[in-house]
Amino acid sequence: MSILVIAEHDNAQLKGATYNVLAAAAKLGGDVHVLVMGQGAQAAADQAAKAQGVAKVLLADGASLAEGLAENASAQVLALASDYSHILFAATASGKNVAPRVAAKLDVAQISDIVSVDAPDTFQRPIYAGNAIATVQSGDAVKVITVRTTAFDGVAPEGGQAAVESVSPVDDSGLSSFVGRELAKSDRPELAGASAVVSGGRGMGSAENFKILEPLADKLGAALGASRAAVDSGYAPNDWQVGQTGKIVAPQLYVAVGISGAIQHLAGMKDSKVIVAINKDAEAPIFGVADYGLVADLFKAVPELTDAL
C-alpha cells in the first residue's frame, strides 16, 4: 500500500499543513510519497525529503504548475494516481480546489475533512458543524481524502532521508489562466498556523474599535481573527474569519473578545488548547467551551489585560 501526499508550498518552502497531512498519512501504515508540484520548486522538494516518515518525493516542475491552477494540478495527480491506494490533501482552500476534481475523474467518493484514522479504509470526520463525528468506511480502490490539519500534530521536519525523483509535468490544460494575485501582507503570524489567536466579534462595535485588540495581539505574538458576524458587519477583513465558513484553527491559546459563540464560529476554534472568553453576557454560548471566562466590558477588560501582560 502506497500513499501519496500532495504538498502545499510556495516553491521555496513547504507550508506547515503538509506536515500535518504527513502525520495522518503515517497512521495508514504504508509507504508515504510526497508530490511537489510547481516551478522552481526544488527547494520545497528537498525540504519534503527531510520530513520524518517520507519514503520518496516526486517533483513535477514546469510552467503549467507554476501557479497551482486546479485544472493542471489535478491532471498531474491523476497521471500518478494508479500507483496509490490513498491520495491525501490538506483541507485548505488549495486542497479543496483540487481533491474533488481528482475524486470525480477517478469515479470515487471523496472523504472530506478527516480528523482521525481508524483503519486504512475507515475514518472519522465532523458533521453538523462539528456537533457529531461520523465514522466513514470506504470500499473504493483509491481513497481521495482531505485532512483537517488541526486534528493531527505535524511530523518532525527533520530526520528523513528520502530520495527526490523528477516526474514529467503535465501540459497546460488551457482551461484556465493565471491573471494576478493580491497578497495581504502582515507582520503578524498567519492565522491558520499561529500558536495564539486574538479574535473579535460583533461586540467590538466597529472597525475602529477592533484596533484595541492589536496591543494585546502584539503582547501575545498572536494572529488577529474575527467572527463571521464581525466580518459581515465590515469590522474585519474576510481573511480573518474563523469558523465553519472561514478558517479552522487550533492554536495553543485562543482569546475570544466580544464573541457570543454561534455554532458557526465554535466549529472553527473549539479544538484550541486553551480558550479565553471575554463577554459582558454571562449567558453567552462561548463560555460553554471556554477554559477561562471573564464577564466584563471588553473595552475596559482588554486594555487592563494588555497592561497586565
C-alpha atoms as a PDB file:
ATOM      1  CA  MET A   1       0.000   0.000   0.000  1.00  0.00           C
ATOM      2  CA  SER A   2       1.411   3.363  -1.079  1.00  0.00           C
ATOM      3  CA  ILE A   3       0.097   6.740  -0.006  1.00  0.00           C
ATOM      4  CA  LEU A   4       0.503   9.993  -1.952  1.00  0.00           C
ATOM      5  CA  VAL A   5       0.510  13.270  -0.033  1.00  0.00           C
ATOM      6  CA  ILE A   6       0.035  16.437  -2.075  1.00  0.00           C
ATOM      7  CA  ALA A   7       2.413  19.076  -0.712  1.00  0.00           C
ATOM      8  CA  GLU A   8       1.455  22.705  -0.199  1.00  0.00           C
ATOM      9  CA  HIS A   9       4.304  25.161  -0.672  1.00  0.00           C
ATOM     10  CA  ASP A  10       5.355  28.470  -2.190  1.00  0.00           C
ATOM     11  CA  ASN A  11       8.101  26.865  -4.326  1.00  0.00           C
ATOM     12  CA  ALA A  12      10.684  27.924  -1.727  1.00  0.00           C
ATOM     13  CA  GLN A  13       9.420  26.043   1.315  1.00  0.00           C
ATOM     14  CA  LEU A  14       6.685  23.719   2.497  1.00  0.00           C
ATOM     15  CA  LYS A  15       3.674  25.049   4.348  1.00  0.00           C
ATOM     16  CA  GLY A  16       3.006  23.708   7.808  1.00  0.00           C
ATOM     17  CA  ALA A  17      -0.190  21.992   6.649  1.00  0.00           C
ATOM     18  CA  THR A  18       1.888  19.454   4.715  1.00  0.00           C
ATOM     19  CA  TYR A  19       3.475  18.145   7.907  1.00  0.00           C
ATOM     20  CA  ASN A  20       0.028  17.662   9.451  1.00  0.00           C
ATOM     21  CA  VAL A  21      -1.147  15.690   6.419  1.00  0.00           C
ATOM     22  CA  LEU A  22       2.004  13.565   6.626  1.00  0.00           C
ATOM     23  CA  ALA A  23       1.064  12.731  10.211  1.00  0.00           C
ATOM     24  CA  ALA A  24      -2.335  11.490   9.032  1.00  0.00           C
ATOM     25  CA  ALA A  25      -0.683   9.517   6.226  1.00  0.00           C
ATOM     26  CA  ALA A  26       1.658   7.829   8.694  1.00  0.00           C
ATOM     27  CA  LYS A  27      -1.344   6.340  10.514  1.00  0.00           C
ATOM     28  CA  LEU A  28      -2.351   4.472   7.351  1.00  0.00           C
ATOM     29  CA  GLY A  29       0.682   2.229   7.615  1.00  0.00           C
ATOM     30  CA  GLY A  30       2.063   2.256   4.070  1.00  0.00           C
ATOM     31  CA  ASP A  31       4.915   3.883   2.184  1.00  0.00           C
ATOM     32  CA  VAL A  32       4.365   7.637   2.128  1.00  0.00           C
ATOM     33  CA  HIS A  33       5.316   9.558  -1.012  1.00  0.00           C
ATOM     34  CA  VAL A  34       5.044  13.332  -1.394  1.00  0.00           C
ATOM     35  CA  LEU A  35       4.153  15.095  -4.649  1.00  0.00           C
ATOM     36  CA  VAL A  36       5.599  18.595  -5.010  1.00  0.00           C
ATOM     37  CA  MET A  37       4.108  20.489  -7.965  1.00  0.00           C
ATOM     38  CA  GLY A  38       5.368  23.898  -9.051  1.00  0.00           C
ATOM     39  CA  GLN A  39       8.033  25.757 -10.968  1.00  0.00           C
ATOM     40  CA  GLY A  40      11.477  26.190  -9.486  1.00  0.00           C
ATOM     41  CA  ALA A  41      10.308  24.087  -6.544  1.00  0.00           C
ATOM     42  CA  GLN A  42      13.481  22.060  -5.936  1.00  0.00           C
ATOM     43  CA  ALA A  43      13.956  23.711  -2.519  1.00  0.00           C
ATOM     44  CA  ALA A  44      10.472  22.661  -1.413  1.00  0.00           C
ATOM     45  CA  ALA A  45      11.093  19.121  -2.654  1.00  0.00           C
ATOM     46  CA  ASP A  46      14.394  18.927  -0.740  1.00  0.00           C
ATOM     47  CA  GLN A  47      12.576  20.103   2.376  1.00  0.00           C
ATOM     48  CA  ALA A  48       9.895  17.440   1.917  1.00  0.00           C
ATOM     49  CA  ALA A  49      12.610  14.789   1.610  1.00  0.00           C
ATOM     50  CA  LYS A  50      13.823  15.628   5.118  1.00  0.00           C
ATOM     51  CA  ALA A  51      10.395  15.229   6.734  1.00  0.00           C
ATOM     52  CA  GLN A  52      10.022  12.274   9.052  1.00  0.00           C
ATOM     53  CA  GLY A  53       8.333   9.240   7.540  1.00  0.00           C
ATOM     54  CA  VAL A  54       8.649  10.201   3.874  1.00  0.00           C
ATOM     55  CA  ALA A  55       9.854   7.355   1.641  1.00  0.00           C
ATOM     56  CA  LYS A  56      10.042   9.256  -1.653  1.00  0.00           C
ATOM     57  CA  VAL A  57       9.444  12.738  -3.058  1.00  0.00           C
ATOM     58  CA  LEU A  58       8.108  13.224  -6.575  1.00  0.00           C
ATOM     59  CA  LEU A  59       8.918  16.597  -8.109  1.00  0.00           C
ATOM     60  CA  ALA A  60       6.793  17.802 -11.017  1.00  0.00           C
ATOM     61  CA  ASP A  61       8.438  21.043 -12.088  1.00  0.00           C
ATOM     62  CA  GLY A  62       7.097  23.003 -15.034  1.00  0.00           C
ATOM     63  CA  ALA A  63       5.448  26.214 -16.194  1.00  0.00           C
ATOM     64  CA  SER A  64       1.990  24.599 -16.263  1.00  0.00           C
ATOM     65  CA  LEU A  65       2.203  24.060 -12.499  1.00  0.00           C
ATOM     66  CA  ALA A  66       3.733  27.405 -11.543  1.00  0.00           C
ATOM     67  CA  GLU A  67       0.606  28.992 -10.109  1.00  0.00           C
ATOM     68  CA  GLY A  68      -1.167  25.920  -8.763  1.00  0.00           C
ATOM     69  CA  LEU A  69      -4.097  26.090 -11.173  1.00  0.00           C
ATOM     70  CA  ALA A  70      -6.546  23.385 -10.128  1.00  0.00           C
ATOM     71  CA  GLU A  71      -7.086  22.016 -13.639  1.00  0.00           C
ATOM     72  CA  ASN A  72      -3.382  21.387 -14.196  1.00  0.00           C
ATOM     73  CA  ALA A  73      -2.693  20.238 -10.631  1.00  0.00           C
ATOM     74  CA  SER A  74      -5.492  17.658 -10.741  1.00  0.00           C
ATOM     75  CA  ALA A  75      -4.235  16.359 -14.091  1.00  0.00           C
ATOM     76  CA  GLN A  76      -0.771  15.916 -12.565  1.00  0.00           C
ATOM     77  CA  VAL A  77      -2.185  13.959  -9.627  1.00  0.00           C
ATOM     78  CA  LEU A  78      -4.273  11.798 -11.952  1.00  0.00           C
ATOM     79  CA  ALA A  79      -1.194  10.982 -14.027  1.00  0.00           C
ATOM     80  CA  LEU A  80       0.265   9.297 -10.934  1.00  0.00           C
ATOM     81  CA  ALA A  81      -2.888   8.068  -9.197  1.00  0.00           C
ATOM     82  CA  SER A  82      -2.787   4.471 -10.464  1.00  0.00           C
ATOM     83  CA  ASP A  83       0.219   3.722  -8.251  1.00  0.00           C
ATOM     84  CA  TYR A  84      -1.503   4.684  -4.995  1.00  0.00           C
ATOM     85  CA  SER A  85      -4.204   3.377  -2.672  1.00  0.00           C
ATOM     86  CA  HIS A  86      -4.666   6.706  -0.879  1.00  0.00           C
ATOM     87  CA  ILE A  87      -4.254  10.315  -2.073  1.00  0.00           C
ATOM     88  CA  LEU A  88      -4.223  12.905   0.720  1.00  0.00           C
ATOM     89  CA  PHE A  89      -4.713  16.661   0.540  1.00  0.00           C
ATOM     90  CA  ALA A  90      -4.856  19.288   3.274  1.00  0.00           C
ATOM     91  CA  ALA A  91      -8.400  20.570   3.820  1.00  0.00           C
ATOM     92  CA  THR A  92      -7.312  24.077   2.828  1.00  0.00           C
ATOM     93  CA  ALA A  93      -8.544  26.303   0.010  1.00  0.00           C
ATOM     94  CA  SER A  94      -5.942  24.752  -2.284  1.00  0.00           C
ATOM     95  CA  GLY A  95      -6.652  21.162  -1.296  1.00  0.00           C
ATOM     96  CA  LYS A  96     -10.399  21.615  -1.532  1.00  0.00           C
ATOM     97  CA  ASN A  97      -9.932  23.045  -5.017  1.00  0.00           C
ATOM     98  CA  VAL A  98      -8.039  20.065  -6.395  1.00  0.00           C
ATOM     99  CA  ALA A  99      -9.240  16.999  -4.459  1.00  0.00           C
ATOM    100  CA  PRO A 100     -12.850  16.933  -5.776  1.00  0.00           C
ATOM    101  CA  ARG A 101     -11.595  17.067  -9.362  1.00  0.00           C
ATOM    102  CA  VAL A 102      -9.333  14.100  -8.709  1.00  0.00           C
ATOM    103  CA  ALA A 103     -12.092  12.116  -6.988  1.00  0.00           C
ATOM    104  CA  ALA A 104     -14.573  12.845  -9.782  1.00  0.00           C
ATOM    105  CA  LYS A 105     -12.162  11.747 -12.503  1.00  0.00           C
ATOM    106  CA  LEU A 106     -11.368   8.552 -10.585  1.00  0.00           C
ATOM    107  CA  ASP A 107     -15.116   7.993 -10.037  1.00  0.00           C
ATOM    108  CA  VAL A 108     -14.682   7.578  -6.294  1.00  0.00           C
ATOM    109  CA  ALA A 109     -16.251   9.272  -3.273  1.00  0.00           C
ATOM    110  CA  GLN A 110     -14.104  11.937  -1.649  1.00  0.00           C
ATOM    111  CA  ILE A 111     -13.657  11.516   2.109  1.00  0.00           C
ATOM    112  CA  SER A 112     -13.612  15.059   3.414  1.00  0.00           C
ATOM    113  CA  ASP A 113     -12.091  16.747   6.439  1.00  0.00           C
ATOM    114  CA  ILE A 114     -10.979  13.657   8.369  1.00  0.00           C
ATOM    115  CA  VAL A 115      -9.944  14.098  11.993  1.00  0.00           C
ATOM    116  CA  SER A 116      -8.932  10.513  12.766  1.00  0.00           C
ATOM    117  CA  VAL A 117      -7.707   7.363  11.007  1.00  0.00           C
ATOM    118  CA  ASP A 118      -9.278   4.205  12.468  1.00  0.00           C
ATOM    119  CA  ALA A 119      -8.078   1.842   9.720  1.00  0.00           C
ATOM    120  CA  PRO A 120      -6.833   2.156   6.130  1.00  0.00           C
ATOM    121  CA  ASP A 121     -10.460   2.173   4.959  1.00  0.00           C
ATOM    122  CA  THR A 122     -12.151   3.773   7.998  1.00  0.00           C
ATOM    123  CA  PHE A 123     -12.013   7.410   9.069  1.00  0.00           C
ATOM    124  CA  GLN A 124     -13.739   9.884  11.366  1.00  0.00           C
ATOM    125  CA  ARG A 125     -14.966  13.270  10.205  1.00  0.00           C
ATOM    126  CA  PRO A 126     -17.074  16.015  11.807  1.00  0.00           C
ATOM    127  CA  ILE A 127     -20.638  16.645  10.642  1.00  0.00           C
ATOM    128  CA  TYR A 128     -23.305  19.150  11.709  1.00  0.00           C
ATOM    129  CA  ALA A 129     -20.682  21.868  12.270  1.00  0.00           C
ATOM    130  CA  GLY A 130     -18.664  19.565  14.494  1.00  0.00           C
ATOM    131  CA  ASN A 131     -21.534  18.623  16.809  1.00  0.00           C
ATOM    132  CA  ALA A 132     -21.283  14.986  15.757  1.00  0.00           C
ATOM    133  CA  ILE A 133     -18.492  12.775  14.452  1.00  0.00           C
ATOM    134  CA  ALA A 134     -19.259  10.357  11.631  1.00  0.00           C
ATOM    135  CA  THR A 135     -17.278   7.153  11.129  1.00  0.00           C
ATOM    136  CA  VAL A 136     -16.913   6.609   7.395  1.00  0.00           C
ATOM    137  CA  GLN A 137     -15.782   3.398   5.701  1.00  0.00           C
ATOM    138  CA  SER A 138     -14.808   3.357   2.041  1.00  0.00           C
ATOM    139  CA  GLY A 139     -14.548   0.413  -0.313  1.00  0.00           C
ATOM    140  CA  ASP A 140     -13.116   2.453  -3.187  1.00  0.00           C
ATOM    141  CA  ALA A 141      -9.902   1.174  -4.715  1.00  0.00           C
ATOM    142  CA  VAL A 142      -8.354   4.637  -4.416  1.00  0.00           C
ATOM    143  CA  LYS A 143      -9.292   6.788  -1.460  1.00  0.00           C
ATOM    144  CA  VAL A 144      -9.180  10.537  -2.048  1.00  0.00           C
ATOM    145  CA  ILE A 145      -9.025  12.271   1.326  1.00  0.00           C
ATOM    146  CA  THR A 146      -8.822  15.803   2.668  1.00  0.00           C
ATOM    147  CA  VAL A 147      -7.327  16.156   6.152  1.00  0.00           C
ATOM    148  CA  ARG A 148      -8.343  18.657   8.808  1.00  0.00           C
ATOM    149  CA  THR A 149      -4.822  19.734   9.683  1.00  0.00           C
ATOM    150  CA  THR A 150      -5.680  20.959  13.187  1.00  0.00           C
ATOM    151  CA  ALA A 151      -6.585  17.378  14.175  1.00  0.00           C
ATOM    152  CA  PHE A 152      -3.070  15.993  13.616  1.00  0.00           C
ATOM    153  CA  ASP A 153       0.208  17.121  15.141  1.00  0.00           C
ATOM    154  CA  GLY A 154       2.687  17.607  12.312  1.00  0.00           C
ATOM    155  CA  VAL A 155       5.591  15.208  11.797  1.00  0.00           C
ATOM    156  CA  ALA A 156       9.123  16.389  12.524  1.00  0.00           C
ATOM    157  CA  PRO A 157      10.534  18.451   9.630  1.00  0.00           C
ATOM    158  CA  GLU A 158      13.943  16.831  10.069  1.00  0.00           C
ATOM    159  CA  GLY A 159      15.113  13.250  10.285  1.00  0.00           C
ATOM    160  CA  GLY A 160      14.085  11.876   6.901  1.00  0.00           C
ATOM    161  CA  GLN A 161      16.386  10.997   4.007  1.00  0.00           C
ATOM    162  CA  ALA A 162      14.009  10.384   1.122  1.00  0.00           C
ATOM    163  CA  ALA A 163      15.135  10.468  -2.493  1.00  0.00           C
ATOM    164  CA  VAL A 164      13.776  13.171  -4.797  1.00  0.00           C
ATOM    165  CA  GLU A 165      12.594  11.809  -8.139  1.00  0.00           C
ATOM    166  CA  SER A 166      11.591  14.042 -11.044  1.00  0.00           C
ATOM    167  CA  VAL A 167       8.381  13.261 -12.935  1.00  0.00           C
ATOM    168  CA  SER A 168       7.207  14.805 -16.191  1.00  0.00           C
ATOM    169  CA  PRO A 169       4.954  17.810 -15.657  1.00  0.00           C
ATOM    170  CA  VAL A 170       1.622  17.742 -17.447  1.00  0.00           C
ATOM    171  CA  ASP A 171       0.879  20.065 -20.337  1.00  0.00           C
ATOM    172  CA  ASP A 172      -1.195  23.162 -19.723  1.00  0.00           C
ATOM    173  CA  SER A 173      -4.878  22.216 -19.987  1.00  0.00           C
ATOM    174  CA  GLY A 174      -5.780  25.604 -21.424  1.00  0.00           C
ATOM    175  CA  LEU A 175      -8.928  25.619 -19.299  1.00  0.00           C
ATOM    176  CA  SER A 176      -7.814  28.473 -17.046  1.00  0.00           C
ATOM    177  CA  SER A 177      -5.047  31.024 -16.845  1.00  0.00           C
ATOM    178  CA  PHE A 178      -3.350  32.926 -14.061  1.00  0.00           C
ATOM    179  CA  VAL A 179      -4.207  36.636 -14.119  1.00  0.00           C
ATOM    180  CA  GLY A 180      -2.778  38.043 -10.895  1.00  0.00           C
ATOM    181  CA  ARG A 181      -2.506  37.709  -7.164  1.00  0.00           C
ATOM    182  CA  GLU A 182      -3.061  40.231  -4.396  1.00  0.00           C
ATOM    183  CA  LEU A 183      -1.469  39.132  -1.151  1.00  0.00           C
ATOM    184  CA  ALA A 184      -2.345  40.593   2.224  1.00  0.00           C
ATOM    185  CA  LYS A 185       0.927  41.475   3.950  1.00  0.00           C
ATOM    186  CA  SER A 186       1.258  41.473   7.709  1.00  0.00           C
ATOM    187  CA  ASP A 187       3.975  41.252  10.309  1.00  0.00           C
ATOM    188  CA  ARG A 188       1.682  39.047  12.375  1.00  0.00           C
ATOM    189  CA  PRO A 189       1.694  35.233  12.190  1.00  0.00           C
ATOM    190  CA  GLU A 190      -0.518  33.571   9.590  1.00  0.00           C
ATOM    191  CA  LEU A 191      -3.923  32.915  11.146  1.00  0.00           C
ATOM    192  CA  ALA A 192      -4.175  29.219  10.261  1.00  0.00           C
ATOM    193  CA  GLY A 193      -0.768  28.365  11.691  1.00  0.00           C
ATOM    194  CA  ALA A 194      -0.462  30.789  14.614  1.00  0.00           C
ATOM    195  CA  SER A 195       0.195  29.471  18.113  1.00  0.00           C
ATOM    196  CA  ALA A 196      -2.002  32.221  19.576  1.00  0.00           C
ATOM    197  CA  VAL A 197      -5.056  33.965  18.121  1.00  0.00           C
ATOM    198  CA  VAL A 198      -6.981  37.001  19.372  1.00  0.00           C
ATOM    199  CA  SER A 199     -10.424  37.256  17.753  1.00  0.00           C
ATOM    200  CA  GLY A 200     -13.105  39.892  17.943  1.00  0.00           C
ATOM    201  CA  GLY A 201     -16.820  39.599  17.330  1.00  0.00           C
ATOM    202  CA  ARG A 202     -19.852  41.764  16.741  1.00  0.00           C
ATOM    203  CA  GLY A 203     -19.441  43.095  20.267  1.00  0.00           C
ATOM    204  CA  MET A 204     -16.440  45.121  19.091  1.00  0.00           C
ATOM    205  CA  GLY A 205     -18.946  47.554  17.592  1.00  0.00           C
ATOM    206  CA  SER A 206     -16.836  48.944  14.739  1.00  0.00           C
ATOM    207  CA  ALA A 207     -13.689  48.504  12.673  1.00  0.00           C
ATOM    208  CA  GLU A 208     -12.107  51.343  14.667  1.00  0.00           C
ATOM    209  CA  ASN A 209     -12.783  49.530  17.939  1.00  0.00           C
ATOM    210  CA  PHE A 210     -11.080  46.427  16.568  1.00  0.00           C
ATOM    211  CA  LYS A 211      -7.793  48.285  16.960  1.00  0.00           C
ATOM    212  CA  ILE A 212      -7.895  47.810  20.743  1.00  0.00           C
ATOM    213  CA  LEU A 213      -7.107  44.140  20.095  1.00  0.00           C
ATOM    214  CA  GLU A 214      -3.809  44.964  18.374  1.00  0.00           C
ATOM    215  CA  PRO A 215      -1.741  45.729  21.520  1.00  0.00           C
ATOM    216  CA  LEU A 216      -2.998  42.508  23.116  1.00  0.00           C
ATOM    217  CA  ALA A 217      -2.109  40.516  19.995  1.00  0.00           C
ATOM    218  CA  ASP A 218       1.325  42.167  19.940  1.00  0.00           C
ATOM    219  CA  LYS A 219       1.976  41.182  23.558  1.00  0.00           C
ATOM    220  CA  LEU A 220       0.957  37.585  22.847  1.00  0.00           C
ATOM    221  CA  GLY A 221       2.646  37.327  19.436  1.00  0.00           C
ATOM    222  CA  ALA A 222      -0.780  36.389  18.148  1.00  0.00           C
ATOM    223  CA  ALA A 223      -2.642  36.497  14.853  1.00  0.00           C
ATOM    224  CA  LEU A 224      -5.850  38.511  14.657  1.00  0.00           C
ATOM    225  CA  GLY A 225      -9.129  36.778  13.860  1.00  0.00           C
ATOM    226  CA  ALA A 226     -12.812  37.625  13.710  1.00  0.00           C
ATOM    227  CA  SER A 227     -16.210  36.011  13.860  1.00  0.00           C
ATOM    228  CA  ARG A 228     -18.395  35.842  10.780  1.00  0.00           C
ATOM    229  CA  ALA A 229     -20.696  38.453  12.293  1.00  0.00           C
ATOM    230  CA  ALA A 230     -17.782  40.878  12.643  1.00  0.00           C
ATOM    231  CA  VAL A 231     -16.651  40.248   9.079  1.00  0.00           C
ATOM    232  CA  ASP A 232     -20.184  40.597   7.686  1.00  0.00           C
ATOM    233  CA  SER A 233     -20.516  43.884   9.585  1.00  0.00           C
ATOM    234  CA  GLY A 234     -17.351  45.195   7.930  1.00  0.00           C
ATOM    235  CA  TYR A 235     -15.342  45.336  11.158  1.00  0.00           C
ATOM    236  CA  ALA A 236     -12.600  42.996   9.886  1.00  0.00           C
ATOM    237  CA  PRO A 237     -11.366  41.644   6.536  1.00  0.00           C
ATOM    238  CA  ASN A 238     -12.735  38.275   5.440  1.00  0.00           C
ATOM    239  CA  ASP A 239      -9.326  36.580   5.573  1.00  0.00           C
ATOM    240  CA  TRP A 240      -9.543  36.988   9.368  1.00  0.00           C
ATOM    241  CA  GLN A 241     -12.740  34.959   9.606  1.00  0.00           C
ATOM    242  CA  VAL A 242     -12.615  31.965  11.927  1.00  0.00           C
ATOM    243  CA  GLY A 243     -15.385  29.407  11.669  1.00  0.00           C
ATOM    244  CA  GLN A 244     -17.100  26.782   9.591  1.00  0.00           C
ATOM    245  CA  THR A 245     -17.113  29.084   6.561  1.00  0.00           C
ATOM    246  CA  GLY A 246     -13.755  30.654   7.414  1.00  0.00           C
ATOM    247  CA  LYS A 247     -10.506  29.223   8.752  1.00  0.00           C
ATOM    248  CA  ILE A 248     -10.334  26.251  11.102  1.00  0.00           C
ATOM    249  CA  VAL A 249      -7.763  26.988  13.805  1.00  0.00           C
ATOM    250  CA  ALA A 250      -6.474  25.134  16.865  1.00  0.00           C
ATOM    251  CA  PRO A 251      -3.805  27.333  18.457  1.00  0.00           C
ATOM    252  CA  GLN A 252      -2.308  26.864  21.892  1.00  0.00           C
ATOM    253  CA  LEU A 253      -4.223  29.974  23.021  1.00  0.00           C
ATOM    254  CA  TYR A 254      -7.452  31.411  21.601  1.00  0.00           C
ATOM    255  CA  VAL A 255      -8.795  34.668  23.028  1.00  0.00           C
ATOM    256  CA  ALA A 256     -12.401  35.397  22.025  1.00  0.00           C
ATOM    257  CA  VAL A 257     -13.388  39.012  22.650  1.00  0.00           C
ATOM    258  CA  GLY A 258     -16.989  40.140  22.213  1.00  0.00           C
ATOM    259  CA  ILE A 259     -17.873  36.852  20.505  1.00  0.00           C
ATOM    260  CA  SER A 260     -21.177  35.270  21.525  1.00  0.00           C
ATOM    261  CA  GLY A 261     -20.203  31.793  20.366  1.00  0.00           C
ATOM    262  CA  ALA A 262     -22.500  30.962  17.459  1.00  0.00           C
ATOM    263  CA  ILE A 263     -22.162  27.362  16.279  1.00  0.00           C
ATOM    264  CA  GLN A 264     -20.585  28.569  13.028  1.00  0.00           C
ATOM    265  CA  HIS A 265     -17.731  30.146  14.968  1.00  0.00           C
ATOM    266  CA  LEU A 266     -17.306  27.356  17.510  1.00  0.00           C
ATOM    267  CA  ALA A 267     -16.813  24.857  14.685  1.00  0.00           C
ATOM    268  CA  GLY A 268     -13.682  26.725  13.683  1.00  0.00           C
ATOM    269  CA  MET A 269     -11.934  27.129  17.040  1.00  0.00           C
ATOM    270  CA  LYS A 270     -13.231  24.770  19.729  1.00  0.00           C
ATOM    271  CA  ASP A 271     -10.222  22.448  19.324  1.00  0.00           C
ATOM    272  CA  SER A 272      -7.911  25.212  20.575  1.00  0.00           C
ATOM    273  CA  LYS A 273      -5.820  24.058  23.532  1.00  0.00           C
ATOM    274  CA  VAL A 274      -6.752  26.959  25.870  1.00  0.00           C
ATOM    275  CA  ILE A 275      -9.768  29.192  25.200  1.00  0.00           C
ATOM    276  CA  VAL A 276     -10.225  32.525  26.955  1.00  0.00           C
ATOM    277  CA  ALA A 277     -13.542  34.368  26.528  1.00  0.00           C
ATOM    278  CA  ILE A 278     -14.359  37.972  27.366  1.00  0.00           C
ATOM    279  CA  ASN A 279     -18.015  38.942  27.046  1.00  0.00           C
ATOM    280  CA  LYS A 280     -20.437  41.089  29.042  1.00  0.00           C
ATOM    281  CA  ASP A 281     -23.218  38.496  28.602  1.00  0.00           C
ATOM    282  CA  ALA A 282     -22.764  35.773  31.221  1.00  0.00           C
ATOM    283  CA  GLU A 283     -25.122  33.510  29.241  1.00  0.00           C
ATOM    284  CA  ALA A 284     -23.113  33.701  26.003  1.00  0.00           C
ATOM    285  CA  PRO A 285     -22.550  30.212  24.479  1.00  0.00           C
ATOM    286  CA  ILE A 286     -18.807  30.926  24.153  1.00  0.00           C
ATOM    287  CA  PHE A 287     -18.459  30.339  27.902  1.00  0.00           C
ATOM    288  CA  GLY A 288     -19.577  26.747  27.327  1.00  0.00           C
ATOM    289  CA  VAL A 289     -16.308  25.923  25.542  1.00  0.00           C
ATOM    290  CA  ALA A 290     -14.010  28.402  27.314  1.00  0.00           C
ATOM    291  CA  ASP A 291     -11.361  27.261  29.770  1.00  0.00           C
ATOM    292  CA  TYR A 292     -11.301  30.753  31.275  1.00  0.00           C
ATOM    293  CA  GLY A 293     -14.157  33.228  31.112  1.00  0.00           C
ATOM    294  CA  LEU A 294     -14.391  36.876  32.086  1.00  0.00           C
ATOM    295  CA  VAL A 295     -17.784  38.560  32.270  1.00  0.00           C
ATOM    296  CA  ALA A 296     -16.857  42.197  31.745  1.00  0.00           C
ATOM    297  CA  ASP A 297     -16.988  45.188  29.439  1.00  0.00           C
ATOM    298  CA  LEU A 298     -14.389  44.339  26.808  1.00  0.00           C
ATOM    299  CA  PHE A 299     -13.459  47.997  26.351  1.00  0.00           C
ATOM    300  CA  LYS A 300     -12.193  48.041  29.922  1.00  0.00           C
ATOM    301  CA  ALA A 301     -11.033  44.448  30.256  1.00  0.00           C
ATOM    302  CA  VAL A 302      -8.872  44.240  27.130  1.00  0.00           C
ATOM    303  CA  PRO A 303      -6.670  47.298  27.916  1.00  0.00           C
ATOM    304  CA  GLU A 304      -6.331  46.121  31.526  1.00  0.00           C
ATOM    305  CA  LEU A 305      -5.345  42.635  30.387  1.00  0.00           C
ATOM    306  CA  THR A 306      -2.857  44.071  27.915  1.00  0.00           C
ATOM    307  CA  ASP A 307      -1.268  46.253  30.618  1.00  0.00           C
ATOM    308  CA  ALA A 308      -1.003  43.266  32.956  1.00  0.00           C
ATOM    309  CA  LEU A 309       0.913  41.147  30.454  1.00  0.00           C
END
